[in-house]
Amino acid sequence: MQAEGTPSQVVVVVESGTSIIDGLESCATASSSRDRLAFDNKYFKCEVGILQFSDGAALRDWFGATNQSPFIGALVIRFGENDSVAHIQELINANCFYDAEQIYLVMDAATTISPVFQQITGIINQHCIETIVLDPTEEMIEEAEENCEKYGLPRLYEALQIIEWPAKTLKGGVTNWGAQASSTQFSCRKGADEFGDWVRFTEDDE
């Protein structure tokens, strides 16, 4: 059974520390907390729970013991330069069971040039995974600002709002969030760097 008190829709975070939880709490709305994110944008408002697991084994144990799991909007994985290729591949491949709508890899800038990261770029591109850099370099910040994009964990908080959360309250004038999200509300930007091709969806400003 789903544990008592478990929200119906969640973000799953796999991290032994607290950098992701702390960062999301700091950039989210005032009504958010360490175990709950509140979204309140011009299109909708909703609340989603945050479930954190120290590693893939803890996530598997929880999922295996749950007969009725919540809707998993995002699987957010903390990726360190000392993590093995097998560890990251296992977490990503296991999403065929968790069925998260999106996967995000959160890492330090140094990890983006590590041998391990270069070895998993294929699976990252295959699964359309976005990478979020916790401590972006000046060059990364400059590129993001030139494209009017957020960076760091504020970017993750923004990206989580693009997910089609089932339990939400649409605001006036919005009758079909899914249809609008796939047409005029978001822009798709594609590019390539030394690590391969990437795709990013960003919310259009009015």
C-alpha atoms as a PDB file:
ATOM      1  CA  MET A   1       0.000   0.000   0.000  1.00  0.00           C
ATOM      2  CA  GLN A   2       1.002   3.593  -0.461  1.00  0.00           C
ATOM      3  CA  ALA A   3       2.406   4.876   2.822  1.00  0.00           C
ATOM      4  CA  GLU A   4      -0.042   6.956   4.832  1.00  0.00           C
ATOM      5  CA  GLY A   5       0.541  10.605   4.151  1.00  0.00           C
ATOM      6  CA  THR A   6       2.393  10.029   0.869  1.00  0.00           C
ATOM      7  CA  PRO A   7       1.292  12.713  -1.631  1.00  0.00           C
ATOM      8  CA  SER A   8      -0.496  11.627  -4.795  1.00  0.00           C
ATOM      9  CA  GLN A   9       2.133  13.308  -7.002  1.00  0.00           C
ATOM     10  CA  VAL A  10       5.820  13.606  -6.193  1.00  0.00           C
ATOM     11  CA  VAL A  11       9.326  14.511  -7.233  1.00  0.00           C
ATOM     12  CA  VAL A  12      11.762  11.715  -6.373  1.00  0.00           C
ATOM     13  CA  VAL A  13      15.268  12.851  -5.419  1.00  0.00           C
ATOM     14  CA  VAL A  14      18.186  10.406  -5.230  1.00  0.00           C
ATOM     15  CA  GLU A  15      20.953  12.039  -3.211  1.00  0.00           C
ATOM     16  CA  SER A  16      22.866  11.160  -0.054  1.00  0.00           C
ATOM     17  CA  GLY A  17      23.215  14.842   0.890  1.00  0.00           C
ATOM     18  CA  THR A  18      20.784  17.752   0.918  1.00  0.00           C
ATOM     19  CA  SER A  19      22.026  20.115  -1.807  1.00  0.00           C
ATOM     20  CA  ILE A  20      19.018  19.521  -4.077  1.00  0.00           C
ATOM     21  CA  ILE A  21      16.414  19.764  -1.318  1.00  0.00           C
ATOM     22  CA  ASP A  22      18.059  22.864   0.151  1.00  0.00           C
ATOM     23  CA  GLY A  23      18.367  24.502  -3.252  1.00  0.00           C
ATOM     24  CA  LEU A  24      14.775  23.858  -4.288  1.00  0.00           C
ATOM     25  CA  GLU A  25      13.477  25.164  -0.982  1.00  0.00           C
ATOM     26  CA  SER A  26      15.490  28.360  -1.341  1.00  0.00           C
ATOM     27  CA  CYS A  27      14.238  29.198  -4.844  1.00  0.00           C
ATOM     28  CA  ALA A  28      10.640  27.969  -4.495  1.00  0.00           C
ATOM     29  CA  THR A  29       7.603  29.906  -3.321  1.00  0.00           C
ATOM     30  CA  ALA A  30       7.266  30.789   0.356  1.00  0.00           C
ATOM     31  CA  SER A  31       4.612  28.103   0.861  1.00  0.00           C
ATOM     32  CA  SER A  32       7.055  25.346  -0.131  1.00  0.00           C
ATOM     33  CA  SER A  33       9.000  23.261   2.383  1.00  0.00           C
ATOM     34  CA  ARG A  34      11.646  20.525   2.484  1.00  0.00           C
ATOM     35  CA  ASP A  35       9.067  17.838   1.733  1.00  0.00           C
ATOM     36  CA  ARG A  36       6.633  19.770  -0.441  1.00  0.00           C
ATOM     37  CA  LEU A  37       6.939  22.044  -3.470  1.00  0.00           C
ATOM     38  CA  ALA A  38       4.294  24.615  -4.291  1.00  0.00           C
ATOM     39  CA  PHE A  39       3.939  25.849  -7.867  1.00  0.00           C
ATOM     40  CA  ASP A  40       2.007  29.036  -8.556  1.00  0.00           C
ATOM     41  CA  ASN A  41       2.593  30.424 -12.048  1.00  0.00           C
ATOM     42  CA  LYS A  42       0.428  32.269 -14.556  1.00  0.00           C
ATOM     43  CA  TYR A  43      -1.117  29.027 -15.833  1.00  0.00           C
ATOM     44  CA  PHE A  44      -1.780  26.835 -12.802  1.00  0.00           C
ATOM     45  CA  LYS A  45      -1.076  26.181  -9.151  1.00  0.00           C
ATOM     46  CA  CYS A  46      -0.441  22.872  -7.418  1.00  0.00           C
ATOM     47  CA  GLU A  47       1.514  21.137  -4.697  1.00  0.00           C
ATOM     48  CA  VAL A  48       3.787  18.125  -5.120  1.00  0.00           C
ATOM     49  CA  GLY A  49       5.563  16.074  -2.506  1.00  0.00           C
ATOM     50  CA  ILE A  50       9.308  15.466  -2.390  1.00  0.00           C
ATOM     51  CA  LEU A  51      10.544  11.957  -1.627  1.00  0.00           C
ATOM     52  CA  GLN A  52      14.295  11.658  -1.085  1.00  0.00           C
ATOM     53  CA  PHE A  53      16.322   8.444  -1.130  1.00  0.00           C
ATOM     54  CA  SER A  54      20.010   8.136  -0.338  1.00  0.00           C
ATOM     55  CA  ASP A  55      20.701   5.794  -3.246  1.00  0.00           C
ATOM     56  CA  GLY A  56      19.154   3.564  -5.877  1.00  0.00           C
ATOM     57  CA  ALA A  57      18.804   0.632  -3.467  1.00  0.00           C
ATOM     58  CA  ALA A  58      16.698   2.685  -1.048  1.00  0.00           C
ATOM     59  CA  LEU A  59      14.486   3.821  -3.923  1.00  0.00           C
ATOM     60  CA  ARG A  60      14.052   0.224  -5.119  1.00  0.00           C
ATOM     61  CA  ASP A  61      13.147  -0.951  -1.608  1.00  0.00           C
ATOM     62  CA  TRP A  62      10.488   1.730  -1.270  1.00  0.00           C
ATOM     63  CA  PHE A  63       9.066   1.104  -4.731  1.00  0.00           C
ATOM     64  CA  GLY A  64       9.017  -2.670  -4.230  1.00  0.00           C
ATOM     65  CA  ALA A  65       7.067  -2.316  -0.986  1.00  0.00           C
ATOM     66  CA  THR A  66       4.507   0.052  -2.510  1.00  0.00           C
ATOM     67  CA  ASN A  67       1.399  -1.460  -4.086  1.00  0.00           C
ATOM     68  CA  GLN A  68      -0.045   1.902  -5.077  1.00  0.00           C
ATOM     69  CA  SER A  69       2.717   4.368  -5.886  1.00  0.00           C
ATOM     70  CA  PRO A  70       2.132   8.091  -6.445  1.00  0.00           C
ATOM     71  CA  PHE A  71       2.500   9.786  -9.805  1.00  0.00           C
ATOM     72  CA  ILE A  72       6.238  10.456 -10.207  1.00  0.00           C
ATOM     73  CA  GLY A  73       6.625  13.640 -12.185  1.00  0.00           C
ATOM     74  CA  ALA A  74      10.408  13.736 -12.037  1.00  0.00           C
ATOM     75  CA  LEU A  75      13.340  11.570 -11.026  1.00  0.00           C
ATOM     76  CA  VAL A  76      16.130  13.918  -9.932  1.00  0.00           C
ATOM     77  CA  ILE A  77      19.524  12.226  -9.584  1.00  0.00           C
ATOM     78  CA  ARG A  78      22.540  13.786  -7.879  1.00  0.00           C
ATOM     79  CA  PHE A  79      25.471  12.809 -10.095  1.00  0.00           C
ATOM     80  CA  GLY A  80      28.987  13.056  -8.654  1.00  0.00           C
ATOM     81  CA  GLU A  81      32.255  12.712 -10.535  1.00  0.00           C
ATOM     82  CA  ASN A  82      33.075   9.681  -8.365  1.00  0.00           C
ATOM     83  CA  ASP A  83      29.846   7.864  -9.274  1.00  0.00           C
ATOM     84  CA  SER A  84      30.290   4.867 -11.522  1.00  0.00           C
ATOM     85  CA  VAL A  85      28.840   4.548 -15.001  1.00  0.00           C
ATOM     86  CA  ALA A  86      26.988   1.410 -13.884  1.00  0.00           C
ATOM     87  CA  HIS A  87      25.371   3.268 -10.962  1.00  0.00           C
ATOM     88  CA  ILE A  88      23.986   6.034 -13.156  1.00  0.00           C
ATOM     89  CA  GLN A  89      22.902   3.660 -15.923  1.00  0.00           C
ATOM     90  CA  GLU A  90      21.080   1.485 -13.399  1.00  0.00           C
ATOM     91  CA  LEU A  91      19.140   4.446 -12.005  1.00  0.00           C
ATOM     92  CA  ILE A  92      18.199   5.703 -15.455  1.00  0.00           C
ATOM     93  CA  ASN A  93      17.256   2.285 -16.825  1.00  0.00           C
ATOM     94  CA  ALA A  94      15.171   1.539 -13.720  1.00  0.00           C
ATOM     95  CA  ASN A  95      12.825   4.346 -14.718  1.00  0.00           C
ATOM     96  CA  CYS A  96      11.010   1.819 -16.891  1.00  0.00           C
ATOM     97  CA  PHE A  97       9.561   0.665 -13.533  1.00  0.00           C
ATOM     98  CA  TYR A  98       9.209   4.047 -11.796  1.00  0.00           C
ATOM     99  CA  ASP A  99       7.773   5.666 -14.932  1.00  0.00           C
ATOM    100  CA  ALA A 100       8.827   9.205 -14.032  1.00  0.00           C
ATOM    101  CA  GLU A 101       7.758  11.765 -16.632  1.00  0.00           C
ATOM    102  CA  GLN A 102      11.212  13.382 -16.714  1.00  0.00           C
ATOM    103  CA  ILE A 103      14.717  12.630 -15.461  1.00  0.00           C
ATOM    104  CA  TYR A 104      17.203  15.297 -14.404  1.00  0.00           C
ATOM    105  CA  LEU A 105      20.882  14.874 -13.538  1.00  0.00           C
ATOM    106  CA  VAL A 106      22.148  17.435 -11.038  1.00  0.00           C
ATOM    107  CA  MET A 107      25.914  17.839 -10.838  1.00  0.00           C
ATOM    108  CA  ASP A 108      28.832  20.137 -10.124  1.00  0.00           C
ATOM    109  CA  ALA A 109      30.554  21.913 -12.999  1.00  0.00           C
ATOM    110  CA  ALA A 110      33.642  19.714 -12.549  1.00  0.00           C
ATOM    111  CA  THR A 111      31.549  16.612 -13.212  1.00  0.00           C
ATOM    112  CA  THR A 112      30.606  17.832 -16.696  1.00  0.00           C
ATOM    113  CA  ILE A 113      34.203  17.266 -17.842  1.00  0.00           C
ATOM    114  CA  SER A 114      34.760  14.004 -15.967  1.00  0.00           C
ATOM    115  CA  PRO A 115      35.406  10.740 -17.863  1.00  0.00           C
ATOM    116  CA  VAL A 116      32.297   9.181 -16.295  1.00  0.00           C
ATOM    117  CA  PHE A 117      30.024  11.922 -17.630  1.00  0.00           C
ATOM    118  CA  GLN A 118      31.480  11.577 -21.105  1.00  0.00           C
ATOM    119  CA  GLN A 119      30.796   7.837 -20.972  1.00  0.00           C
ATOM    120  CA  ILE A 120      27.098   8.276 -20.226  1.00  0.00           C
ATOM    121  CA  THR A 121      26.282  11.036 -22.722  1.00  0.00           C
ATOM    122  CA  GLY A 122      24.766   8.417 -25.006  1.00  0.00           C
ATOM    123  CA  ILE A 123      22.174   7.288 -22.479  1.00  0.00           C
ATOM    124  CA  ILE A 124      21.532  10.913 -21.455  1.00  0.00           C
ATOM    125  CA  ASN A 125      20.669  11.843 -25.042  1.00  0.00           C
ATOM    126  CA  GLN A 126      18.704   8.636 -25.586  1.00  0.00           C
ATOM    127  CA  HIS A 127      16.382   9.402 -22.667  1.00  0.00           C
ATOM    128  CA  CYS A 128      16.228  13.193 -23.283  1.00  0.00           C
ATOM    129  CA  ILE A 129      17.688  13.890 -19.836  1.00  0.00           C
ATOM    130  CA  GLU A 130      18.457  17.473 -18.910  1.00  0.00           C
ATOM    131  CA  THR A 131      21.571  18.183 -16.854  1.00  0.00           C
ATOM    132  CA  ILE A 132      21.456  20.839 -14.140  1.00  0.00           C
ATOM    133  CA  VAL A 133      24.779  22.307 -12.954  1.00  0.00           C
ATOM    134  CA  LEU A 134      24.776  23.386  -9.305  1.00  0.00           C
ATOM    135  CA  ASP A 135      27.748  25.730  -9.624  1.00  0.00           C
ATOM    136  CA  PRO A 136      27.753  26.900 -13.251  1.00  0.00           C
ATOM    137  CA  THR A 137      30.898  28.509 -14.604  1.00  0.00           C
ATOM    138  CA  GLU A 138      30.913  32.115 -15.780  1.00  0.00           C
ATOM    139  CA  GLU A 139      30.729  30.839 -19.353  1.00  0.00           C
ATOM    140  CA  MET A 140      27.656  28.715 -18.545  1.00  0.00           C
ATOM    141  CA  ILE A 141      25.969  31.644 -16.810  1.00  0.00           C
ATOM    142  CA  GLU A 142      26.726  33.973 -19.702  1.00  0.00           C
ATOM    143  CA  GLU A 143      25.271  31.517 -22.221  1.00  0.00           C
ATOM    144  CA  ALA A 144      22.129  31.027 -20.126  1.00  0.00           C
ATOM    145  CA  GLU A 145      21.616  34.763 -19.706  1.00  0.00           C
ATOM    146  CA  GLU A 146      22.121  35.374 -23.423  1.00  0.00           C
ATOM    147  CA  ASN A 147      19.276  32.932 -24.065  1.00  0.00           C
ATOM    148  CA  CYS A 148      17.130  34.355 -21.233  1.00  0.00           C
ATOM    149  CA  GLU A 149      17.323  31.045 -19.368  1.00  0.00           C
ATOM    150  CA  LYS A 150      17.617  30.238 -15.695  1.00  0.00           C
ATOM    151  CA  TYR A 151      20.521  28.151 -14.426  1.00  0.00           C
ATOM    152  CA  GLY A 152      21.355  26.073 -11.376  1.00  0.00           C
ATOM    153  CA  LEU A 153      18.536  24.882  -9.147  1.00  0.00           C
ATOM    154  CA  PRO A 154      16.219  27.757 -10.152  1.00  0.00           C
ATOM    155  CA  ARG A 155      16.327  26.111 -13.600  1.00  0.00           C
ATOM    156  CA  LEU A 156      15.299  22.781 -12.045  1.00  0.00           C
ATOM    157  CA  TYR A 157      12.406  24.445 -10.212  1.00  0.00           C
ATOM    158  CA  GLU A 158      11.333  26.036 -13.504  1.00  0.00           C
ATOM    159  CA  ALA A 159      11.629  22.743 -15.407  1.00  0.00           C
ATOM    160  CA  LEU A 160       9.493  20.901 -12.865  1.00  0.00           C
ATOM    161  CA  GLN A 161       6.615  23.228 -13.717  1.00  0.00           C
ATOM    162  CA  ILE A 162       6.588  22.043 -17.337  1.00  0.00           C
ATOM    163  CA  ILE A 163       5.572  18.560 -16.193  1.00  0.00           C
ATOM    164  CA  GLU A 164       1.939  17.607 -16.725  1.00  0.00           C
ATOM    165  CA  TRP A 165       0.983  17.289 -13.032  1.00  0.00           C
ATOM    166  CA  PRO A 166      -2.419  15.560 -12.820  1.00  0.00           C
ATOM    167  CA  ALA A 167      -3.618  17.316  -9.641  1.00  0.00           C
ATOM    168  CA  LYS A 168      -3.513  21.038 -10.300  1.00  0.00           C
ATOM    169  CA  THR A 169      -5.801  24.039 -10.403  1.00  0.00           C
ATOM    170  CA  LEU A 170      -5.836  25.842 -13.733  1.00  0.00           C
ATOM    171  CA  LYS A 171      -6.064  29.611 -13.658  1.00  0.00           C
ATOM    172  CA  GLY A 172      -8.515  31.818 -15.543  1.00  0.00           C
ATOM    173  CA  GLY A 173      -8.365  31.474 -19.312  1.00  0.00           C
ATOM    174  CA  VAL A 174      -6.479  28.173 -19.229  1.00  0.00           C
ATOM    175  CA  THR A 175      -8.760  25.304 -20.206  1.00  0.00           C
ATOM    176  CA  ASN A 176      -6.324  22.685 -21.496  1.00  0.00           C
ATOM    177  CA  TRP A 177      -2.859  22.869 -19.960  1.00  0.00           C
ATOM    178  CA  GLY A 178      -1.563  19.876 -21.940  1.00  0.00           C
ATOM    179  CA  ALA A 179      -2.539  21.359 -25.297  1.00  0.00           C
ATOM    180  CA  GLN A 180      -1.139  24.775 -24.488  1.00  0.00           C
ATOM    181  CA  ALA A 181       2.094  23.370 -23.082  1.00  0.00           C
ATOM    182  CA  SER A 182       2.710  21.574 -26.354  1.00  0.00           C
ATOM    183  CA  SER A 183       2.064  24.641 -28.514  1.00  0.00           C
ATOM    184  CA  THR A 184       2.443  28.277 -27.551  1.00  0.00           C
ATOM    185  CA  GLN A 185       3.492  28.243 -23.923  1.00  0.00           C
ATOM    186  CA  PHE A 186       6.934  26.717 -24.323  1.00  0.00           C
ATOM    187  CA  SER A 187       9.812  26.982 -26.749  1.00  0.00           C
ATOM    188  CA  CYS A 188      12.026  24.074 -27.741  1.00  0.00           C
ATOM    189  CA  ARG A 189      15.701  24.928 -28.131  1.00  0.00           C
ATOM    190  CA  LYS A 190      18.150  22.425 -29.585  1.00  0.00           C
ATOM    191  CA  GLY A 191      21.910  22.596 -29.646  1.00  0.00           C
ATOM    192  CA  ALA A 192      25.140  20.673 -29.413  1.00  0.00           C
ATOM    193  CA  ASP A 193      28.396  20.929 -27.525  1.00  0.00           C
ATOM    194  CA  GLU A 194      31.436  18.742 -26.990  1.00  0.00           C
ATOM    195  CA  PHE A 195      29.283  16.252 -25.096  1.00  0.00           C
ATOM    196  CA  GLY A 196      26.659  15.768 -27.810  1.00  0.00           C
ATOM    197  CA  ASP A 197      23.206  17.038 -28.789  1.00  0.00           C
ATOM    198  CA  TRP A 198      20.786  18.483 -26.248  1.00  0.00           C
ATOM    199  CA  VAL A 199      17.188  19.664 -26.119  1.00  0.00           C
ATOM    200  CA  ARG A 200      15.696  22.167 -23.671  1.00  0.00           C
ATOM    201  CA  PHE A 201      12.112  23.356 -23.239  1.00  0.00           C
ATOM    202  CA  THR A 202      11.615  26.802 -21.736  1.00  0.00           C
ATOM    203  CA  GLU A 203       8.505  28.782 -20.861  1.00  0.00           C
ATOM    204  CA  ASP A 204       7.730  31.688 -23.156  1.00  0.00           C
ATOM    205  CA  ASP A 205       7.243  35.121 -21.646  1.00  0.00           C
ATOM    206  CA  GLU A 206       4.135  37.012 -22.495  1.00  0.00           C
END
